[in-house]
Amino acid sequence: MQDRQQESGLTTEKKSEKDGTPTRSRGKAPLSREQVLQQYADTGYALDVHPAHVIRKAHQRATLRFQQVMAGEDLSPTQFAALATILKHGEVSQNHLGRLTAMDPSTISIVMRKLLKHGLITRSASETDQRLSMIALTEKGTEYTLERLERSVEVGRRFLSPLSPAEQATLLRLLKRINDDDPSNGDSGK
């Protein structure tokens, strides 16, 4: 019964400030709206300036610009990133392509299936390691990608258009610095 109460949220568990052991709070009066707002304010949380939220909104803007410039294309930004990367590097393993484009294995697999379906890439086993899937552009894929590179550059121009050239360079430099930070150390920027 107690387990069911815990699962349903009827019993909450907190850790004692003294020794860290779990304590139960039952029948405690709900917080007033004012108390909730005060606790909210005490945390310092503000959605409009939270870095993750601001970056998510910027990502939405970038995706919108991509859709506007590439209107009529059955193509996503991640698919184009894969195509452009294969164009630049030549035949690559699917695993390496995922690393080059910062896509996890499940995402790169979905992207590859879509590009294969459209006849833009080929996938074959590696001659040296049968565990690796090698990815290359087809002739159609090469032409398709080359024809859209300038449009992709336009996506970037439109995305950054509210900023001056100096601000654009600063933003890109700072984002690159964030992205290049060691993700295994959550406080390495301190």
N, C-alpha and C. Protein backbone atom coordinates (compact mmCIF):
# COMPACT_ATOMS: atom_id res chain seq x y z
N MET A 1 0.83 -1.20 0.00
CA MET A 1 0.00 0.00 0.00
C MET A 1 0.87 1.26 0.00
N GLN A 2 1.89 1.26 0.83
CA GLN A 2 2.77 2.42 0.92
C GLN A 2 3.49 2.66 -0.40
N ASP A 3 3.91 1.55 -1.08
CA ASP A 3 4.57 1.68 -2.37
C ASP A 3 3.63 2.32 -3.39
N ARG A 4 2.34 1.89 -3.36
CA ARG A 4 1.36 2.48 -4.29
C ARG A 4 1.17 3.96 -4.00
N GLN A 5 1.17 4.32 -2.74
CA GLN A 5 1.03 5.73 -2.39
C GLN A 5 2.22 6.52 -2.92
N GLN A 6 3.41 5.95 -2.81
CA GLN A 6 4.59 6.65 -3.30
C GLN A 6 4.52 6.81 -4.81
N GLU A 7 4.10 5.74 -5.52
CA GLU A 7 4.00 5.82 -6.97
C GLU A 7 2.97 6.84 -7.42
N SER A 8 1.88 6.95 -6.67
CA SER A 8 0.83 7.87 -7.09
C SER A 8 1.09 9.30 -6.64
N GLY A 9 2.13 9.49 -5.83
CA GLY A 9 2.46 10.85 -5.41
C GLY A 9 1.75 11.26 -4.13
N LEU A 10 1.03 10.32 -3.48
CA LEU A 10 0.31 10.67 -2.27
C LEU A 10 1.25 10.85 -1.09
N THR A 11 2.38 10.19 -1.14
CA THR A 11 3.39 10.33 -0.10
C THR A 11 4.64 10.88 -0.76
N THR A 12 5.18 11.91 -0.18
CA THR A 12 6.42 12.45 -0.73
C THR A 12 7.56 12.08 0.19
N GLU A 13 8.71 11.92 -0.38
CA GLU A 13 9.87 11.56 0.40
C GLU A 13 10.90 12.68 0.29
N LYS A 14 11.41 13.11 1.42
CA LYS A 14 12.45 14.13 1.45
C LYS A 14 13.60 13.60 2.27
N LYS A 15 14.75 14.17 2.10
CA LYS A 15 15.91 13.77 2.92
C LYS A 15 16.06 14.75 4.06
N SER A 16 16.31 14.20 5.22
CA SER A 16 16.52 15.02 6.40
C SER A 16 17.78 15.87 6.22
N GLU A 17 17.70 17.13 6.62
CA GLU A 17 18.87 18.00 6.51
C GLU A 17 19.96 17.59 7.49
N LYS A 18 19.57 16.94 8.60
CA LYS A 18 20.54 16.52 9.60
C LYS A 18 21.45 15.40 9.11
N ASP A 19 20.81 14.28 8.73
CA ASP A 19 21.63 13.11 8.42
C ASP A 19 21.41 12.55 7.02
N GLY A 20 20.57 13.17 6.22
CA GLY A 20 20.36 12.72 4.86
C GLY A 20 19.44 11.52 4.73
N THR A 21 18.84 11.06 5.83
CA THR A 21 17.93 9.93 5.74
C THR A 21 16.57 10.40 5.27
N PRO A 22 15.85 9.52 4.56
CA PRO A 22 14.54 9.93 4.04
C PRO A 22 13.56 10.23 5.17
N THR A 23 12.77 11.25 5.00
CA THR A 23 11.67 11.57 5.92
C THR A 23 10.41 11.68 5.08
N ARG A 24 9.28 11.46 5.71
CA ARG A 24 8.00 11.52 5.00
C ARG A 24 7.22 12.74 5.47
N SER A 25 6.57 13.39 4.51
CA SER A 25 5.70 14.50 4.89
C SER A 25 4.28 14.10 4.46
N ARG A 26 3.42 13.94 5.44
CA ARG A 26 2.04 13.56 5.19
C ARG A 26 1.12 14.64 5.71
N GLY A 27 0.10 14.87 4.95
CA GLY A 27 -0.92 15.79 5.42
C GLY A 27 -0.46 17.22 5.53
N LYS A 28 0.67 17.54 4.97
CA LYS A 28 1.18 18.90 5.01
C LYS A 28 0.27 19.77 4.14
N ALA A 29 -0.03 20.96 4.62
CA ALA A 29 -0.90 21.86 3.87
C ALA A 29 -0.22 22.25 2.56
N PRO A 30 -0.99 22.34 1.49
CA PRO A 30 -0.39 22.76 0.21
C PRO A 30 0.15 24.18 0.32
N LEU A 31 1.15 24.46 -0.48
CA LEU A 31 1.72 25.80 -0.49
C LEU A 31 0.72 26.79 -1.09
N SER A 32 0.72 27.99 -0.55
CA SER A 32 -0.12 29.04 -1.13
C SER A 32 0.53 29.52 -2.43
N ARG A 33 -0.23 30.19 -3.24
CA ARG A 33 0.31 30.72 -4.49
C ARG A 33 1.49 31.66 -4.21
N GLU A 34 1.37 32.45 -3.18
CA GLU A 34 2.44 33.38 -2.81
C GLU A 34 3.70 32.63 -2.39
N GLN A 35 3.54 31.53 -1.65
CA GLN A 35 4.69 30.74 -1.23
C GLN A 35 5.37 30.09 -2.45
N VAL A 36 4.56 29.60 -3.37
CA VAL A 36 5.10 29.00 -4.59
C VAL A 36 5.91 30.04 -5.35
N LEU A 37 5.32 31.23 -5.53
CA LEU A 37 6.01 32.28 -6.28
C LEU A 37 7.28 32.74 -5.58
N GLN A 38 7.26 32.76 -4.25
CA GLN A 38 8.45 33.15 -3.51
C GLN A 38 9.56 32.12 -3.68
N GLN A 39 9.19 30.85 -3.56
CA GLN A 39 10.20 29.79 -3.75
C GLN A 39 10.73 29.81 -5.18
N TYR A 40 9.85 30.05 -6.13
CA TYR A 40 10.25 30.15 -7.54
C TYR A 40 11.26 31.29 -7.69
N ALA A 41 10.94 32.46 -7.14
CA ALA A 41 11.82 33.63 -7.24
C ALA A 41 13.16 33.36 -6.54
N ASP A 42 13.12 32.65 -5.42
CA ASP A 42 14.34 32.37 -4.66
C ASP A 42 15.34 31.53 -5.46
N THR A 43 14.86 30.73 -6.41
CA THR A 43 15.78 29.89 -7.19
C THR A 43 16.57 30.69 -8.21
N GLY A 44 16.06 31.84 -8.61
CA GLY A 44 16.72 32.63 -9.64
C GLY A 44 16.38 32.18 -11.05
N TYR A 45 15.47 31.24 -11.18
CA TYR A 45 15.10 30.72 -12.50
C TYR A 45 14.30 31.77 -13.27
N ALA A 46 14.68 31.97 -14.54
CA ALA A 46 13.94 32.87 -15.43
C ALA A 46 14.00 32.27 -16.83
N LEU A 47 12.89 31.76 -17.32
CA LEU A 47 12.85 31.07 -18.61
C LEU A 47 13.40 31.92 -19.74
N ASP A 48 13.01 33.18 -19.81
CA ASP A 48 13.40 34.03 -20.93
C ASP A 48 14.91 34.23 -21.07
N VAL A 49 15.65 34.06 -20.00
CA VAL A 49 17.10 34.24 -20.07
C VAL A 49 17.87 32.95 -19.75
N HIS A 50 17.15 31.84 -19.60
CA HIS A 50 17.82 30.56 -19.34
C HIS A 50 18.57 30.16 -20.61
N PRO A 51 19.88 29.90 -20.52
CA PRO A 51 20.67 29.61 -21.72
C PRO A 51 20.09 28.49 -22.58
N ALA A 52 19.65 27.40 -21.97
CA ALA A 52 19.12 26.29 -22.75
C ALA A 52 17.87 26.70 -23.52
N HIS A 53 17.03 27.50 -22.91
CA HIS A 53 15.80 27.96 -23.56
C HIS A 53 16.13 28.92 -24.71
N VAL A 54 17.04 29.83 -24.47
CA VAL A 54 17.42 30.81 -25.50
C VAL A 54 18.04 30.08 -26.71
N ILE A 55 18.88 29.10 -26.44
CA ILE A 55 19.50 28.34 -27.53
C ILE A 55 18.45 27.51 -28.26
N ARG A 56 17.50 26.94 -27.54
CA ARG A 56 16.43 26.17 -28.19
C ARG A 56 15.63 27.06 -29.12
N LYS A 57 15.32 28.29 -28.67
CA LYS A 57 14.58 29.22 -29.53
C LYS A 57 15.41 29.61 -30.76
N ALA A 58 16.71 29.79 -30.57
CA ALA A 58 17.59 30.10 -31.70
C ALA A 58 17.61 28.93 -32.68
N HIS A 59 17.63 27.71 -32.16
CA HIS A 59 17.59 26.52 -33.01
C HIS A 59 16.29 26.49 -33.81
N GLN A 60 15.18 26.84 -33.18
CA GLN A 60 13.90 26.90 -33.89
C GLN A 60 13.97 27.93 -35.02
N ARG A 61 14.60 29.07 -34.75
CA ARG A 61 14.75 30.11 -35.79
C ARG A 61 15.60 29.58 -36.94
N ALA A 62 16.68 28.89 -36.63
CA ALA A 62 17.55 28.34 -37.67
C ALA A 62 16.78 27.31 -38.52
N THR A 63 16.00 26.47 -37.87
CA THR A 63 15.21 25.47 -38.60
C THR A 63 14.17 26.15 -39.49
N LEU A 64 13.54 27.19 -38.99
CA LEU A 64 12.57 27.94 -39.79
C LEU A 64 13.23 28.55 -41.02
N ARG A 65 14.40 29.16 -40.83
CA ARG A 65 15.14 29.74 -41.97
C ARG A 65 15.50 28.66 -42.98
N PHE A 66 15.90 27.49 -42.51
CA PHE A 66 16.22 26.38 -43.40
C PHE A 66 14.98 25.99 -44.22
N GLN A 67 13.84 25.88 -43.55
CA GLN A 67 12.61 25.50 -44.24
C GLN A 67 12.19 26.56 -45.26
N GLN A 68 12.40 27.83 -44.93
CA GLN A 68 12.05 28.90 -45.87
C GLN A 68 12.94 28.86 -47.11
N VAL A 69 14.23 28.75 -46.91
CA VAL A 69 15.17 28.77 -48.03
C VAL A 69 15.08 27.49 -48.85
N MET A 70 14.87 26.37 -48.19
CA MET A 70 14.80 25.08 -48.88
C MET A 70 13.35 24.66 -49.14
N ALA A 71 12.45 25.63 -49.23
CA ALA A 71 11.03 25.33 -49.44
C ALA A 71 10.85 24.38 -50.62
N GLY A 72 9.98 23.41 -50.44
CA GLY A 72 9.70 22.46 -51.50
C GLY A 72 10.63 21.26 -51.50
N GLU A 73 11.67 21.29 -50.69
CA GLU A 73 12.61 20.17 -50.60
C GLU A 73 12.15 19.20 -49.52
N ASP A 74 12.31 17.93 -49.76
CA ASP A 74 12.05 16.92 -48.74
C ASP A 74 13.37 16.65 -48.04
N LEU A 75 13.83 17.65 -47.27
CA LEU A 75 15.18 17.62 -46.72
C LEU A 75 15.19 18.33 -45.37
N SER A 76 15.85 17.72 -44.41
CA SER A 76 15.98 18.35 -43.09
C SER A 76 17.40 18.90 -42.94
N PRO A 77 17.60 19.79 -41.97
CA PRO A 77 18.95 20.31 -41.73
C PRO A 77 19.96 19.20 -41.42
N THR A 78 19.56 18.19 -40.68
CA THR A 78 20.49 17.10 -40.36
C THR A 78 20.83 16.28 -41.60
N GLN A 79 19.86 16.08 -42.47
CA GLN A 79 20.11 15.34 -43.71
C GLN A 79 21.08 16.12 -44.59
N PHE A 80 20.87 17.44 -44.68
CA PHE A 80 21.78 18.24 -45.51
C PHE A 80 23.18 18.27 -44.91
N ALA A 81 23.26 18.34 -43.59
CA ALA A 81 24.58 18.32 -42.93
C ALA A 81 25.32 17.03 -43.28
N ALA A 82 24.61 15.92 -43.30
CA ALA A 82 25.24 14.64 -43.66
C ALA A 82 25.70 14.67 -45.11
N LEU A 83 24.84 15.13 -46.01
CA LEU A 83 25.20 15.19 -47.43
C LEU A 83 26.44 16.07 -47.65
N ALA A 84 26.43 17.26 -47.06
CA ALA A 84 27.55 18.19 -47.24
C ALA A 84 28.84 17.62 -46.65
N THR A 85 28.72 16.89 -45.56
CA THR A 85 29.90 16.31 -44.92
C THR A 85 30.48 15.18 -45.78
N ILE A 86 29.60 14.35 -46.36
CA ILE A 86 30.08 13.30 -47.26
C ILE A 86 30.71 13.93 -48.50
N LEU A 87 30.10 14.99 -49.01
CA LEU A 87 30.65 15.69 -50.18
C LEU A 87 32.08 16.17 -49.88
N LYS A 88 32.27 16.73 -48.71
CA LYS A 88 33.58 17.27 -48.32
C LYS A 88 34.61 16.18 -48.07
N HIS A 89 34.22 15.11 -47.37
CA HIS A 89 35.18 14.10 -46.92
C HIS A 89 35.27 12.88 -47.84
N GLY A 90 34.32 12.71 -48.74
CA GLY A 90 34.31 11.49 -49.55
C GLY A 90 33.71 10.35 -48.75
N GLU A 91 33.93 9.14 -49.20
CA GLU A 91 33.37 7.97 -48.53
C GLU A 91 33.83 7.92 -47.07
N VAL A 92 32.88 7.73 -46.18
CA VAL A 92 33.17 7.66 -44.74
C VAL A 92 32.32 6.56 -44.13
N SER A 93 32.77 6.06 -43.00
CA SER A 93 31.94 5.08 -42.29
C SER A 93 30.75 5.83 -41.68
N GLN A 94 29.66 5.11 -41.51
CA GLN A 94 28.47 5.72 -40.92
C GLN A 94 28.78 6.22 -39.51
N ASN A 95 29.56 5.46 -38.78
CA ASN A 95 29.96 5.83 -37.43
C ASN A 95 30.75 7.14 -37.44
N HIS A 96 31.73 7.23 -38.33
CA HIS A 96 32.56 8.45 -38.43
C HIS A 96 31.71 9.64 -38.89
N LEU A 97 30.80 9.40 -39.82
CA LEU A 97 29.91 10.47 -40.27
C LEU A 97 29.08 11.00 -39.10
N GLY A 98 28.60 10.11 -38.25
CA GLY A 98 27.86 10.54 -37.07
C GLY A 98 28.70 11.45 -36.18
N ARG A 99 29.97 11.09 -36.00
CA ARG A 99 30.85 11.93 -35.18
C ARG A 99 31.13 13.27 -35.85
N LEU A 100 31.36 13.25 -37.16
CA LEU A 100 31.65 14.49 -37.89
C LEU A 100 30.48 15.47 -37.86
N THR A 101 29.26 14.93 -37.82
CA THR A 101 28.06 15.78 -37.85
C THR A 101 27.40 15.93 -36.48
N ALA A 102 28.03 15.39 -35.45
CA ALA A 102 27.52 15.46 -34.08
C ALA A 102 26.13 14.84 -33.96
N MET A 103 25.93 13.69 -34.61
CA MET A 103 24.66 12.96 -34.51
C MET A 103 24.91 11.65 -33.78
N ASP A 104 23.99 11.31 -32.89
CA ASP A 104 24.12 10.03 -32.19
C ASP A 104 23.80 8.89 -33.15
N PRO A 105 24.18 7.66 -32.80
CA PRO A 105 23.99 6.53 -33.72
C PRO A 105 22.56 6.34 -34.22
N SER A 106 21.56 6.52 -33.36
CA SER A 106 20.18 6.31 -33.82
C SER A 106 19.77 7.41 -34.81
N THR A 107 20.19 8.65 -34.57
CA THR A 107 19.85 9.74 -35.48
C THR A 107 20.53 9.56 -36.84
N ILE A 108 21.81 9.24 -36.84
CA ILE A 108 22.51 9.09 -38.12
C ILE A 108 21.93 7.91 -38.89
N SER A 109 21.48 6.88 -38.19
CA SER A 109 20.86 5.74 -38.85
C SER A 109 19.56 6.14 -39.56
N ILE A 110 18.75 6.94 -38.90
CA ILE A 110 17.50 7.43 -39.49
C ILE A 110 17.80 8.32 -40.70
N VAL A 111 18.78 9.20 -40.55
CA VAL A 111 19.18 10.09 -41.65
C VAL A 111 19.65 9.26 -42.85
N MET A 112 20.45 8.24 -42.61
CA MET A 112 20.97 7.41 -43.70
C MET A 112 19.85 6.69 -44.43
N ARG A 113 18.87 6.17 -43.68
CA ARG A 113 17.74 5.48 -44.32
C ARG A 113 16.99 6.41 -45.27
N LYS A 114 16.78 7.63 -44.84
CA LYS A 114 16.06 8.61 -45.67
C LYS A 114 16.86 8.95 -46.93
N LEU A 115 18.16 9.17 -46.78
CA LEU A 115 18.99 9.53 -47.93
C LEU A 115 19.13 8.34 -48.89
N LEU A 116 19.19 7.13 -48.35
CA LEU A 116 19.21 5.93 -49.20
C LEU A 116 17.92 5.82 -50.01
N LYS A 117 16.80 6.05 -49.33
CA LYS A 117 15.48 5.96 -49.97
C LYS A 117 15.39 6.92 -51.16
N HIS A 118 16.01 8.08 -51.06
CA HIS A 118 15.98 9.08 -52.13
C HIS A 118 17.08 8.88 -53.17
N GLY A 119 17.90 7.83 -52.97
CA GLY A 119 18.96 7.54 -53.94
C GLY A 119 20.10 8.53 -53.93
N LEU A 120 20.31 9.22 -52.79
CA LEU A 120 21.36 10.22 -52.70
C LEU A 120 22.68 9.66 -52.19
N ILE A 121 22.62 8.51 -51.53
CA ILE A 121 23.83 7.87 -51.00
C ILE A 121 23.79 6.38 -51.29
N THR A 122 24.95 5.76 -51.13
CA THR A 122 25.04 4.30 -51.14
C THR A 122 25.64 3.88 -49.82
N ARG A 123 25.31 2.66 -49.41
CA ARG A 123 25.88 2.11 -48.18
C ARG A 123 26.42 0.73 -48.53
N SER A 124 27.65 0.47 -48.12
CA SER A 124 28.27 -0.83 -48.38
C SER A 124 29.15 -1.21 -47.20
N ALA A 125 29.49 -2.49 -47.14
CA ALA A 125 30.39 -2.95 -46.08
C ALA A 125 31.80 -2.50 -46.41
N SER A 126 32.54 -2.18 -45.37
CA SER A 126 33.95 -1.80 -45.53
C SER A 126 34.75 -2.99 -46.04
N GLU A 127 35.70 -2.73 -46.91
CA GLU A 127 36.57 -3.80 -47.42
C GLU A 127 37.53 -4.29 -46.34
N THR A 128 37.85 -3.43 -45.37
CA THR A 128 38.83 -3.79 -44.34
C THR A 128 38.18 -4.21 -43.02
N ASP A 129 36.94 -3.78 -42.78
CA ASP A 129 36.25 -4.12 -41.53
C ASP A 129 34.77 -4.30 -41.83
N GLN A 130 34.33 -5.54 -41.91
CA GLN A 130 32.95 -5.85 -42.30
C GLN A 130 31.92 -5.32 -41.30
N ARG A 131 32.35 -4.90 -40.14
CA ARG A 131 31.41 -4.33 -39.16
C ARG A 131 31.02 -2.90 -39.50
N LEU A 132 31.80 -2.24 -40.34
CA LEU A 132 31.56 -0.84 -40.68
C LEU A 132 30.71 -0.70 -41.93
N SER A 133 29.75 0.19 -41.88
CA SER A 133 28.98 0.57 -43.07
C SER A 133 29.63 1.81 -43.66
N MET A 134 30.01 1.71 -44.92
CA MET A 134 30.64 2.84 -45.60
C MET A 134 29.57 3.59 -46.40
N ILE A 135 29.62 4.91 -46.31
CA ILE A 135 28.62 5.77 -46.94
C ILE A 135 29.32 6.62 -48.00
N ALA A 136 28.70 6.70 -49.17
CA ALA A 136 29.23 7.54 -50.25
C ALA A 136 28.04 8.18 -50.97
N LEU A 137 28.29 9.34 -51.58
CA LEU A 137 27.25 9.99 -52.39
C LEU A 137 27.13 9.28 -53.72
N THR A 138 25.90 9.18 -54.21
CA THR A 138 25.69 8.75 -55.58
C THR A 138 25.95 9.96 -56.47
N GLU A 139 25.98 9.76 -57.78
CA GLU A 139 26.11 10.90 -58.70
C GLU A 139 24.96 11.87 -58.48
N LYS A 140 23.76 11.32 -58.32
CA LYS A 140 22.58 12.15 -58.04
C LYS A 140 22.78 12.92 -56.73
N GLY A 141 23.32 12.24 -55.71
CA GLY A 141 23.56 12.88 -54.42
C GLY A 141 24.58 13.99 -54.49
N THR A 142 25.63 13.77 -55.31
CA THR A 142 26.66 14.80 -55.48
C THR A 142 26.06 16.04 -56.14
N GLU A 143 25.34 15.85 -57.23
CA GLU A 143 24.73 16.99 -57.92
C GLU A 143 23.71 17.69 -57.03
N TYR A 144 22.89 16.91 -56.35
CA TYR A 144 21.86 17.45 -55.45
C TYR A 144 22.48 18.33 -54.38
N THR A 145 23.55 17.84 -53.78
CA THR A 145 24.20 18.59 -52.69
C THR A 145 24.88 19.84 -53.21
N LEU A 146 25.64 19.71 -54.30
CA LEU A 146 26.33 20.87 -54.88
C LEU A 146 25.34 21.98 -55.24
N GLU A 147 24.18 21.59 -55.78
CA GLU A 147 23.17 22.58 -56.19
C GLU A 147 22.57 23.32 -55.00
N ARG A 148 22.70 22.78 -53.79
CA ARG A 148 22.05 23.38 -52.62
C ARG A 148 23.02 24.01 -51.62
N LEU A 149 24.30 23.91 -51.87
CA LEU A 149 25.27 24.48 -50.93
C LEU A 149 25.08 25.98 -50.74
N GLU A 150 24.92 26.72 -51.82
CA GLU A 150 24.76 28.18 -51.70
C GLU A 150 23.47 28.52 -50.96
N ARG A 151 22.43 27.74 -51.18
CA ARG A 151 21.18 27.98 -50.45
C ARG A 151 21.38 27.73 -48.96
N SER A 152 22.18 26.76 -48.61
CA SER A 152 22.46 26.50 -47.20
C SER A 152 23.24 27.65 -46.58
N VAL A 153 24.16 28.23 -47.34
CA VAL A 153 24.89 29.41 -46.86
C VAL A 153 23.90 30.55 -46.62
N GLU A 154 22.91 30.67 -47.48
CA GLU A 154 21.87 31.69 -47.32
C GLU A 154 21.08 31.47 -46.03
N VAL A 155 20.85 30.22 -45.67
CA VAL A 155 20.17 29.92 -44.40
C VAL A 155 20.95 30.57 -43.25
N GLY A 156 22.26 30.37 -43.26
CA GLY A 156 23.10 30.96 -42.22
C GLY A 156 23.04 32.48 -42.21
N ARG A 157 23.06 33.07 -43.41
CA ARG A 157 22.97 34.55 -43.50
C ARG A 157 21.67 35.06 -42.89
N ARG A 158 20.57 34.42 -43.26
CA ARG A 158 19.27 34.86 -42.73
C ARG A 158 19.17 34.65 -41.23
N PHE A 159 19.70 33.55 -40.76
CA PHE A 159 19.65 33.26 -39.33
C PHE A 159 20.40 34.32 -38.53
N LEU A 160 21.55 34.73 -39.01
CA LEU A 160 22.38 35.69 -38.28
C LEU A 160 22.08 37.15 -38.64
N SER A 161 21.14 37.37 -39.53
CA SER A 161 20.89 38.73 -40.04
C SER A 161 20.60 39.80 -38.99
N PRO A 162 20.03 39.49 -37.83
CA PRO A 162 19.83 40.56 -36.84
C PRO A 162 21.13 41.08 -36.23
N LEU A 163 22.23 40.39 -36.45
CA LEU A 163 23.50 40.76 -35.82
C LEU A 163 24.43 41.45 -36.82
N SER A 164 25.28 42.33 -36.30
CA SER A 164 26.33 42.94 -37.13
C SER A 164 27.37 41.87 -37.45
N PRO A 165 28.21 42.10 -38.46
CA PRO A 165 29.27 41.12 -38.75
C PRO A 165 30.15 40.81 -37.54
N ALA A 166 30.48 41.82 -36.75
CA ALA A 166 31.32 41.59 -35.56
C ALA A 166 30.56 40.74 -34.54
N GLU A 167 29.28 41.02 -34.36
CA GLU A 167 28.46 40.24 -33.42
C GLU A 167 28.33 38.79 -33.90
N GLN A 168 28.16 38.62 -35.21
CA GLN A 168 28.06 37.27 -35.77
C GLN A 168 29.31 36.48 -35.46
N ALA A 169 30.47 37.09 -35.69
CA ALA A 169 31.74 36.41 -35.43
C ALA A 169 31.88 36.08 -33.95
N THR A 170 31.48 37.01 -33.07
CA THR A 170 31.56 36.78 -31.63
C THR A 170 30.64 35.64 -31.22
N LEU A 171 29.40 35.67 -31.71
CA LEU A 171 28.44 34.62 -31.37
C LEU A 171 28.97 33.25 -31.79
N LEU A 172 29.43 33.14 -33.02
CA LEU A 172 29.93 31.86 -33.51
C LEU A 172 31.15 31.39 -32.73
N ARG A 173 32.03 32.33 -32.38
CA ARG A 173 33.22 31.98 -31.60
C ARG A 173 32.81 31.46 -30.22
N LEU A 174 31.86 32.14 -29.58
CA LEU A 174 31.42 31.73 -28.24
C LEU A 174 30.67 30.40 -28.28
N LEU A 175 29.82 30.21 -29.27
CA LEU A 175 29.10 28.93 -29.38
C LEU A 175 30.07 27.79 -29.65
N LYS A 176 31.07 28.05 -30.47
CA LYS A 176 32.09 27.02 -30.73
C LYS A 176 32.83 26.68 -29.43
N ARG A 177 33.12 27.69 -28.64
CA ARG A 177 33.81 27.45 -27.37
C ARG A 177 32.95 26.60 -26.43
N ILE A 178 31.64 26.89 -26.39
CA ILE A 178 30.73 26.08 -25.57
C ILE A 178 30.70 24.65 -26.10
N ASN A 179 30.58 24.50 -27.41
CA ASN A 179 30.49 23.17 -28.01
C ASN A 179 31.78 22.38 -27.89
N ASP A 180 32.91 23.06 -27.84
CA ASP A 180 34.20 22.37 -27.74
C ASP A 180 34.58 22.04 -26.30
N ASP A 181 33.79 22.53 -25.34
CA ASP A 181 34.08 22.27 -23.94
C ASP A 181 33.95 20.77 -23.67
N ASP A 182 34.72 20.26 -22.73
CA ASP A 182 34.69 18.85 -22.37
C ASP A 182 33.35 18.52 -21.72
N PRO A 183 32.47 17.74 -22.39
CA PRO A 183 31.16 17.46 -21.82
C PRO A 183 31.20 16.54 -20.61
N SER A 184 32.31 15.89 -20.37
CA SER A 184 32.38 14.98 -19.22
C SER A 184 32.57 15.74 -17.92
N ASN A 185 32.87 17.02 -17.99
CA ASN A 185 33.10 17.82 -16.79
C ASN A 185 32.11 18.97 -16.78
N GLY A 186 31.02 18.79 -16.04
CA GLY A 186 29.94 19.77 -16.03
C GLY A 186 30.33 21.15 -15.54
N ASP A 187 31.42 21.29 -14.82
CA ASP A 187 31.79 22.61 -14.32
C ASP A 187 33.14 23.08 -14.85
N SER A 188 33.55 22.55 -16.00
CA SER A 188 34.88 22.91 -16.52
C SER A 188 34.99 24.36 -16.94
N GLY A 189 33.86 25.03 -17.13
CA GLY A 189 33.90 26.42 -17.52
C GLY A 189 34.11 27.36 -16.35
N LYS A 190 34.16 26.82 -15.13
CA LYS A 190 34.30 27.67 -13.93
C LYS A 190 35.72 28.05 -13.69
